[in-house]
Amino acid sequence: MFEAKERVELALDGRNLASGTYDVERDELYAGDGWVRFLGHGRSPAVGKGAMLYDMMHPEDRERSRGVMVRALKGELEEYVDEFRVPTRAGEWKWLQARGRVVERDAEGRALRVSGTIADIDSRKRAETALQDAEQRYARWSTLAPTG
């Protein structure tokens, strides 16, 4: 069992991904070691409270992110995808993407377990920001250029 888990973690790490599972009833979040490595830490605690992830998030991302998860738990979304910032060990904000789905519900349809992946998307988000900045500079300069 440990060997299989290790193989999965290595495969995910090779794609800059980490696994995550959330037990809704217990409010317990298990995130594979990869996600804390994204942030410059060593190993992930085996289990943490689900709310801890929201507490860590950039304040501008918290409400939207909670809303996405609530919609998935209610069954309004088959798959949730969310992008948010969390602080690194060095104190900088880093972009991550959570992607997953409810994988277990009780007889009444209440979500019991959520499973998915967490990806380091910081490089992509920085490139998007740089492109937007360049486009804005070009737009400003193009209005100053002589026409005709």
N, C-alpha and C. Protein backbone atom coordinates (compact mmCIF):
# COMPACT_ATOMS: atom_id res chain seq x y z
N MET A 1 0.83 -1.20 0.00
CA MET A 1 0.00 0.00 0.00
C MET A 1 0.87 1.25 0.00
N PHE A 2 1.88 1.29 0.87
CA PHE A 2 2.75 2.48 0.95
C PHE A 2 3.46 2.69 -0.38
N GLU A 3 3.90 1.60 -1.01
CA GLU A 3 4.61 1.71 -2.28
C GLU A 3 3.70 2.29 -3.37
N ALA A 4 2.45 1.87 -3.40
CA ALA A 4 1.50 2.40 -4.39
C ALA A 4 1.26 3.89 -4.15
N LYS A 5 1.09 4.29 -2.89
CA LYS A 5 0.89 5.70 -2.56
C LYS A 5 2.10 6.51 -2.97
N GLU A 6 3.29 5.98 -2.71
CA GLU A 6 4.52 6.68 -3.08
C GLU A 6 4.61 6.86 -4.60
N ARG A 7 4.23 5.84 -5.36
CA ARG A 7 4.26 5.94 -6.83
C ARG A 7 3.31 7.03 -7.32
N VAL A 8 2.11 7.08 -6.72
CA VAL A 8 1.15 8.11 -7.11
C VAL A 8 1.70 9.49 -6.79
N GLU A 9 2.25 9.67 -5.59
CA GLU A 9 2.82 10.97 -5.19
C GLU A 9 3.95 11.38 -6.13
N LEU A 10 4.80 10.44 -6.53
CA LEU A 10 5.90 10.75 -7.45
C LEU A 10 5.37 11.15 -8.82
N ALA A 11 4.34 10.45 -9.29
CA ALA A 11 3.75 10.78 -10.59
C ALA A 11 3.13 12.17 -10.56
N LEU A 12 2.42 12.48 -9.49
CA LEU A 12 1.82 13.81 -9.35
C LEU A 12 2.89 14.87 -9.28
N ASP A 13 3.94 14.61 -8.49
CA ASP A 13 5.02 15.58 -8.33
C ASP A 13 5.69 15.87 -9.67
N GLY A 14 5.80 14.85 -10.50
CA GLY A 14 6.40 15.03 -11.82
C GLY A 14 5.59 15.95 -12.72
N ARG A 15 4.31 16.11 -12.42
CA ARG A 15 3.44 17.00 -13.20
C ARG A 15 3.14 18.29 -12.44
N ASN A 16 3.87 18.54 -11.34
CA ASN A 16 3.66 19.74 -10.51
C ASN A 16 2.26 19.75 -9.91
N LEU A 17 1.81 18.56 -9.49
CA LEU A 17 0.49 18.38 -8.88
C LEU A 17 0.64 17.75 -7.50
N ALA A 18 -0.37 17.91 -6.68
CA ALA A 18 -0.46 17.22 -5.39
C ALA A 18 -1.88 16.73 -5.22
N SER A 19 -2.04 15.66 -4.46
CA SER A 19 -3.37 15.12 -4.22
C SER A 19 -4.00 15.79 -3.01
N GLY A 20 -5.31 15.75 -2.97
CA GLY A 20 -6.03 16.29 -1.82
C GLY A 20 -7.35 15.57 -1.64
N THR A 21 -7.71 15.30 -0.39
CA THR A 21 -8.98 14.68 -0.05
C THR A 21 -9.57 15.41 1.14
N TYR A 22 -10.87 15.68 1.08
CA TYR A 22 -11.55 16.39 2.15
C TYR A 22 -12.70 15.54 2.67
N ASP A 23 -12.68 15.21 3.96
CA ASP A 23 -13.76 14.51 4.63
C ASP A 23 -14.69 15.58 5.18
N VAL A 24 -15.85 15.73 4.56
CA VAL A 24 -16.75 16.83 4.86
C VAL A 24 -17.29 16.73 6.28
N GLU A 25 -17.74 15.55 6.69
CA GLU A 25 -18.33 15.39 8.03
C GLU A 25 -17.34 15.71 9.15
N ARG A 26 -16.11 15.31 8.97
CA ARG A 26 -15.10 15.54 10.01
C ARG A 26 -14.37 16.87 9.83
N ASP A 27 -14.61 17.54 8.70
CA ASP A 27 -13.88 18.76 8.35
C ASP A 27 -12.37 18.50 8.39
N GLU A 28 -11.97 17.36 7.79
CA GLU A 28 -10.56 16.99 7.76
C GLU A 28 -10.05 17.03 6.32
N LEU A 29 -8.96 17.73 6.16
CA LEU A 29 -8.33 17.89 4.85
C LEU A 29 -7.00 17.16 4.86
N TYR A 30 -6.82 16.25 3.89
CA TYR A 30 -5.52 15.63 3.68
C TYR A 30 -5.01 16.17 2.35
N ALA A 31 -3.86 16.78 2.39
CA ALA A 31 -3.22 17.25 1.15
C ALA A 31 -1.86 16.57 1.08
N GLY A 32 -1.55 16.00 -0.07
CA GLY A 32 -0.26 15.34 -0.25
C GLY A 32 0.89 16.31 -0.04
N ASP A 33 2.07 15.75 0.17
CA ASP A 33 3.25 16.56 0.46
C ASP A 33 3.57 17.57 -0.64
N GLY A 34 3.16 17.30 -1.86
CA GLY A 34 3.49 18.19 -2.97
C GLY A 34 3.02 19.61 -2.77
N TRP A 35 1.84 19.80 -2.21
CA TRP A 35 1.32 21.16 -2.11
C TRP A 35 2.10 22.00 -1.13
N VAL A 36 2.63 21.41 -0.06
CA VAL A 36 3.43 22.22 0.85
C VAL A 36 4.82 22.47 0.28
N ARG A 37 5.30 21.56 -0.55
CA ARG A 37 6.58 21.82 -1.25
C ARG A 37 6.43 23.00 -2.20
N PHE A 38 5.24 23.15 -2.82
CA PHE A 38 5.01 24.30 -3.68
C PHE A 38 5.26 25.59 -2.90
N LEU A 39 4.99 25.55 -1.60
CA LEU A 39 5.07 26.73 -0.76
C LEU A 39 6.40 26.86 -0.02
N GLY A 40 7.32 25.91 -0.27
CA GLY A 40 8.64 26.00 0.34
C GLY A 40 8.76 25.34 1.70
N HIS A 41 7.81 24.49 2.06
CA HIS A 41 7.85 23.77 3.33
C HIS A 41 8.29 22.33 3.08
N GLY A 42 8.48 21.57 4.14
CA GLY A 42 8.88 20.17 4.04
C GLY A 42 7.69 19.28 3.79
N ARG A 43 7.25 18.60 4.84
CA ARG A 43 6.15 17.65 4.72
C ARG A 43 4.84 18.27 5.19
N SER A 44 3.76 17.77 4.62
CA SER A 44 2.42 18.21 4.99
C SER A 44 1.99 17.47 6.25
N PRO A 45 1.26 18.15 7.15
CA PRO A 45 0.67 17.39 8.25
C PRO A 45 -0.29 16.36 7.67
N ALA A 46 -0.40 15.21 8.30
CA ALA A 46 -1.24 14.14 7.77
C ALA A 46 -2.68 14.60 7.55
N VAL A 47 -3.21 15.33 8.53
CA VAL A 47 -4.59 15.79 8.44
C VAL A 47 -4.67 17.17 9.05
N GLY A 48 -5.47 18.03 8.45
CA GLY A 48 -5.72 19.36 9.00
C GLY A 48 -7.19 19.68 8.86
N LYS A 49 -7.62 20.74 9.46
CA LYS A 49 -9.00 21.17 9.33
C LYS A 49 -9.20 21.80 7.96
N GLY A 50 -10.35 21.55 7.35
CA GLY A 50 -10.63 22.10 6.03
C GLY A 50 -10.57 23.61 6.01
N ALA A 51 -11.01 24.23 7.10
CA ALA A 51 -11.01 25.69 7.18
C ALA A 51 -9.61 26.27 7.13
N MET A 52 -8.59 25.48 7.45
CA MET A 52 -7.22 26.03 7.48
C MET A 52 -6.80 26.54 6.10
N LEU A 53 -7.23 25.87 5.04
CA LEU A 53 -6.87 26.31 3.70
C LEU A 53 -7.46 27.69 3.42
N TYR A 54 -8.72 27.89 3.79
CA TYR A 54 -9.34 29.20 3.57
C TYR A 54 -8.69 30.27 4.43
N ASP A 55 -8.29 29.91 5.64
CA ASP A 55 -7.61 30.87 6.52
C ASP A 55 -6.28 31.32 5.92
N MET A 56 -5.61 30.42 5.20
CA MET A 56 -4.32 30.74 4.58
C MET A 56 -4.47 31.61 3.34
N MET A 57 -5.59 31.50 2.66
CA MET A 57 -5.78 32.15 1.36
C MET A 57 -5.68 33.66 1.44
N HIS A 58 -5.30 34.22 0.31
CA HIS A 58 -5.32 35.67 0.16
C HIS A 58 -6.74 36.15 0.42
N PRO A 59 -6.92 37.23 1.19
CA PRO A 59 -8.27 37.70 1.52
C PRO A 59 -9.16 37.93 0.30
N GLU A 60 -8.60 38.34 -0.81
CA GLU A 60 -9.41 38.59 -2.01
C GLU A 60 -9.94 37.31 -2.65
N ASP A 61 -9.37 36.16 -2.28
CA ASP A 61 -9.75 34.89 -2.90
C ASP A 61 -10.71 34.06 -2.05
N ARG A 62 -10.79 34.34 -0.76
CA ARG A 62 -11.51 33.47 0.18
C ARG A 62 -12.99 33.29 -0.15
N GLU A 63 -13.72 34.37 -0.29
CA GLU A 63 -15.18 34.27 -0.47
C GLU A 63 -15.51 33.52 -1.76
N ARG A 64 -14.84 33.89 -2.85
CA ARG A 64 -15.10 33.22 -4.13
C ARG A 64 -14.78 31.72 -4.02
N SER A 65 -13.66 31.42 -3.40
CA SER A 65 -13.23 30.03 -3.28
C SER A 65 -14.21 29.21 -2.45
N ARG A 66 -14.65 29.77 -1.33
CA ARG A 66 -15.66 29.07 -0.51
C ARG A 66 -16.93 28.84 -1.31
N GLY A 67 -17.33 29.83 -2.10
CA GLY A 67 -18.53 29.70 -2.91
C GLY A 67 -18.44 28.56 -3.91
N VAL A 68 -17.29 28.41 -4.54
CA VAL A 68 -17.09 27.32 -5.50
C VAL A 68 -17.23 25.97 -4.79
N MET A 69 -16.62 25.84 -3.61
CA MET A 69 -16.70 24.58 -2.88
C MET A 69 -18.13 24.30 -2.42
N VAL A 70 -18.83 25.31 -1.92
CA VAL A 70 -20.21 25.12 -1.48
C VAL A 70 -21.08 24.65 -2.64
N ARG A 71 -20.90 25.25 -3.81
CA ARG A 71 -21.68 24.82 -4.98
C ARG A 71 -21.39 23.37 -5.34
N ALA A 72 -20.11 22.95 -5.23
CA ALA A 72 -19.77 21.56 -5.51
C ALA A 72 -20.39 20.63 -4.46
N LEU A 73 -20.33 21.02 -3.19
CA LEU A 73 -20.91 20.19 -2.13
C LEU A 73 -22.42 20.04 -2.29
N LYS A 74 -23.08 21.10 -2.75
CA LYS A 74 -24.53 21.06 -2.96
C LYS A 74 -24.91 20.27 -4.22
N GLY A 75 -23.94 19.94 -5.06
CA GLY A 75 -24.23 19.21 -6.29
C GLY A 75 -24.50 20.11 -7.48
N GLU A 76 -24.28 21.41 -7.31
CA GLU A 76 -24.52 22.35 -8.41
C GLU A 76 -23.39 22.29 -9.44
N LEU A 77 -22.23 21.82 -9.05
CA LEU A 77 -21.09 21.66 -9.96
C LEU A 77 -20.66 20.20 -9.94
N GLU A 78 -20.50 19.62 -11.12
CA GLU A 78 -19.99 18.26 -11.17
C GLU A 78 -18.51 18.23 -10.81
N GLU A 79 -17.80 19.24 -11.28
CA GLU A 79 -16.36 19.37 -10.97
C GLU A 79 -16.11 20.79 -10.52
N TYR A 80 -15.30 20.94 -9.48
CA TYR A 80 -14.94 22.30 -9.08
C TYR A 80 -13.53 22.58 -9.56
N VAL A 81 -13.32 23.81 -9.97
CA VAL A 81 -12.00 24.31 -10.36
C VAL A 81 -11.89 25.68 -9.74
N ASP A 82 -10.82 25.89 -9.00
CA ASP A 82 -10.64 27.17 -8.34
C ASP A 82 -9.17 27.55 -8.33
N GLU A 83 -8.90 28.83 -8.52
CA GLU A 83 -7.54 29.36 -8.47
C GLU A 83 -7.46 30.36 -7.34
N PHE A 84 -6.41 30.25 -6.52
CA PHE A 84 -6.29 31.09 -5.34
C PHE A 84 -4.82 31.25 -4.96
N ARG A 85 -4.58 32.25 -4.12
CA ARG A 85 -3.22 32.53 -3.65
C ARG A 85 -3.07 32.12 -2.19
N VAL A 86 -1.91 31.53 -1.90
CA VAL A 86 -1.55 31.21 -0.52
C VAL A 86 -0.11 31.65 -0.30
N PRO A 87 0.26 31.95 0.96
CA PRO A 87 1.62 32.44 1.20
C PRO A 87 2.65 31.33 1.18
N THR A 88 3.81 31.65 0.64
CA THR A 88 4.94 30.72 0.69
C THR A 88 5.66 30.89 2.03
N ARG A 89 6.60 30.02 2.28
CA ARG A 89 7.40 30.11 3.50
C ARG A 89 8.14 31.45 3.55
N ALA A 90 8.51 31.97 2.37
CA ALA A 90 9.23 33.24 2.28
C ALA A 90 8.30 34.45 2.42
N GLY A 91 6.98 34.21 2.51
CA GLY A 91 6.03 35.30 2.69
C GLY A 91 5.47 35.88 1.42
N GLU A 92 5.78 35.30 0.26
CA GLU A 92 5.23 35.77 -1.01
C GLU A 92 3.95 35.00 -1.32
N TRP A 93 3.07 35.61 -2.11
CA TRP A 93 1.84 34.94 -2.52
C TRP A 93 2.11 34.07 -3.74
N LYS A 94 1.61 32.84 -3.72
CA LYS A 94 1.78 31.90 -4.83
C LYS A 94 0.41 31.40 -5.26
N TRP A 95 0.22 31.34 -6.59
CA TRP A 95 -1.05 30.87 -7.15
C TRP A 95 -1.08 29.35 -7.22
N LEU A 96 -2.18 28.77 -6.74
CA LEU A 96 -2.45 27.34 -6.85
C LEU A 96 -3.82 27.15 -7.49
N GLN A 97 -4.02 25.98 -8.07
CA GLN A 97 -5.33 25.64 -8.64
C GLN A 97 -5.79 24.33 -8.01
N ALA A 98 -6.99 24.34 -7.45
CA ALA A 98 -7.62 23.12 -6.93
C ALA A 98 -8.64 22.65 -7.96
N ARG A 99 -8.63 21.35 -8.21
CA ARG A 99 -9.55 20.77 -9.18
C ARG A 99 -9.99 19.42 -8.62
N GLY A 100 -11.29 19.19 -8.57
CA GLY A 100 -11.76 17.91 -8.05
C GLY A 100 -13.26 17.78 -8.13
N ARG A 101 -13.77 16.80 -7.39
CA ARG A 101 -15.21 16.55 -7.38
C ARG A 101 -15.62 15.82 -6.11
N VAL A 102 -16.90 15.88 -5.82
CA VAL A 102 -17.44 15.09 -4.72
C VAL A 102 -17.44 13.64 -5.19
N VAL A 103 -16.81 12.76 -4.43
CA VAL A 103 -16.69 11.36 -4.83
C VAL A 103 -17.56 10.44 -3.97
N GLU A 104 -18.17 10.99 -2.92
CA GLU A 104 -19.03 10.18 -2.07
C GLU A 104 -20.13 11.06 -1.45
N ARG A 105 -21.37 10.54 -1.52
CA ARG A 105 -22.53 11.21 -0.93
C ARG A 105 -23.30 10.19 -0.10
N ASP A 106 -24.06 10.69 0.90
CA ASP A 106 -24.89 9.79 1.70
C ASP A 106 -26.22 9.55 0.97
N ALA A 107 -27.09 8.80 1.60
CA ALA A 107 -28.38 8.43 0.98
C ALA A 107 -29.24 9.65 0.67
N GLU A 108 -29.07 10.73 1.43
CA GLU A 108 -29.84 11.96 1.18
C GLU A 108 -29.15 12.89 0.18
N GLY A 109 -28.00 12.48 -0.33
CA GLY A 109 -27.30 13.28 -1.33
C GLY A 109 -26.30 14.27 -0.77
N ARG A 110 -26.11 14.27 0.56
CA ARG A 110 -25.13 15.18 1.17
C ARG A 110 -23.72 14.70 0.87
N ALA A 111 -22.87 15.65 0.54
CA ALA A 111 -21.48 15.33 0.23
C ALA A 111 -20.77 14.80 1.47
N LEU A 112 -20.03 13.72 1.29
CA LEU A 112 -19.25 13.14 2.39
C LEU A 112 -17.75 13.29 2.15
N ARG A 113 -17.33 13.13 0.89
CA ARG A 113 -15.90 13.17 0.59
C ARG A 113 -15.66 13.85 -0.75
N VAL A 114 -14.62 14.68 -0.76
CA VAL A 114 -14.20 15.38 -1.97
C VAL A 114 -12.77 14.95 -2.25
N SER A 115 -12.46 14.73 -3.51
CA SER A 115 -11.11 14.33 -3.88
C SER A 115 -10.67 15.09 -5.12
N GLY A 116 -9.37 15.41 -5.17
CA GLY A 116 -8.89 16.14 -6.33
C GLY A 116 -7.40 16.38 -6.29
N THR A 117 -6.98 17.37 -7.07
CA THR A 117 -5.56 17.71 -7.15
C THR A 117 -5.38 19.21 -6.91
N ILE A 118 -4.17 19.54 -6.53
CA ILE A 118 -3.76 20.92 -6.37
C ILE A 118 -2.56 21.11 -7.27
N ALA A 119 -2.58 22.15 -8.10
CA ALA A 119 -1.50 22.41 -9.05
C ALA A 119 -0.84 23.75 -8.76
N ASP A 120 0.45 23.81 -8.96
CA ASP A 120 1.20 25.06 -8.88
C ASP A 120 1.05 25.76 -10.22
N ILE A 121 0.30 26.87 -10.24
CA ILE A 121 0.07 27.60 -11.49
C ILE A 121 0.69 29.00 -11.44
N ASP A 122 1.62 29.20 -10.51
CA ASP A 122 2.17 30.53 -10.29
C ASP A 122 2.85 31.08 -11.55
N SER A 123 3.64 30.27 -12.23
CA SER A 123 4.33 30.74 -13.44
C SER A 123 3.33 31.19 -14.50
N ARG A 124 2.27 30.42 -14.68
CA ARG A 124 1.24 30.78 -15.67
C ARG A 124 0.57 32.10 -15.30
N LYS A 125 0.21 32.26 -14.02
CA LYS A 125 -0.46 33.49 -13.60
C LYS A 125 0.46 34.70 -13.75
N ARG A 126 1.74 34.53 -13.46
CA ARG A 126 2.69 35.64 -13.63
C ARG A 126 2.84 36.00 -15.11
N ALA A 127 2.85 35.00 -15.98
CA ALA A 127 2.94 35.26 -17.42
C ALA A 127 1.69 35.98 -17.91
N GLU A 128 0.51 35.57 -17.42
CA GLU A 128 -0.73 36.25 -17.79
C GLU A 128 -0.71 37.72 -17.37
N THR A 129 -0.22 37.98 -16.17
CA THR A 129 -0.14 39.36 -15.66
C THR A 129 0.84 40.17 -16.50
N ALA A 130 1.98 39.59 -16.84
CA ALA A 130 2.97 40.29 -17.67
C ALA A 130 2.39 40.62 -19.04
N LEU A 131 1.64 39.69 -19.62
CA LEU A 131 1.02 39.92 -20.92
C LEU A 131 -0.02 41.04 -20.84
N GLN A 132 -0.85 41.03 -19.80
CA GLN A 132 -1.84 42.10 -19.62
C GLN A 132 -1.16 43.45 -19.47
N ASP A 133 -0.08 43.50 -18.70
CA ASP A 133 0.66 44.75 -18.52
C ASP A 133 1.22 45.25 -19.85
N ALA A 134 1.77 44.33 -20.65
CA ALA A 134 2.32 44.71 -21.95
C ALA A 134 1.22 45.21 -22.88
N GLU A 135 0.08 44.56 -22.87
CA GLU A 135 -1.04 45.00 -23.72
C GLU A 135 -1.52 46.39 -23.31
N GLN A 136 -1.56 46.66 -22.01
CA GLN A 136 -1.98 47.98 -21.54
C GLN A 136 -0.97 49.05 -21.96
N ARG A 137 0.33 48.73 -21.85
CA ARG A 137 1.36 49.69 -22.28
C ARG A 137 1.24 49.96 -23.77
N TYR A 138 1.03 48.91 -24.57
CA TYR A 138 0.88 49.07 -26.01
C TYR A 138 -0.34 49.94 -26.33
N ALA A 139 -1.44 49.69 -25.64
CA ALA A 139 -2.65 50.48 -25.88
C ALA A 139 -2.42 51.96 -25.56
N ARG A 140 -1.69 52.23 -24.47
CA ARG A 140 -1.41 53.64 -24.12
C ARG A 140 -0.52 54.28 -25.18
N TRP A 141 0.52 53.56 -25.61
CA TRP A 141 1.44 54.13 -26.60
C TRP A 141 0.77 54.29 -27.96
N SER A 142 -0.12 53.36 -28.31
CA SER A 142 -0.75 53.46 -29.62
C SER A 142 -1.67 54.67 -29.71
N THR A 143 -2.20 55.12 -28.60
CA THR A 143 -3.06 56.32 -28.65
C THR A 143 -2.20 57.58 -28.83
N LEU A 144 -0.91 57.51 -28.50
CA LEU A 144 -0.04 58.66 -28.66
C LEU A 144 0.63 58.74 -30.03
N ALA A 145 0.60 57.62 -30.76
CA ALA A 145 1.26 57.58 -32.07
C ALA A 145 0.48 58.42 -33.08
N PRO A 146 1.21 59.12 -33.94
CA PRO A 146 0.52 59.91 -34.98
C PRO A 146 -0.19 58.99 -35.96
N THR A 147 -1.33 59.41 -36.42
CA THR A 147 -2.08 58.63 -37.40
C THR A 147 -1.92 59.22 -38.78
N GLY A 148 -2.08 58.35 -39.75
CA GLY A 148 -2.10 58.81 -41.14
C GLY A 148 -0.81 58.85 -41.73
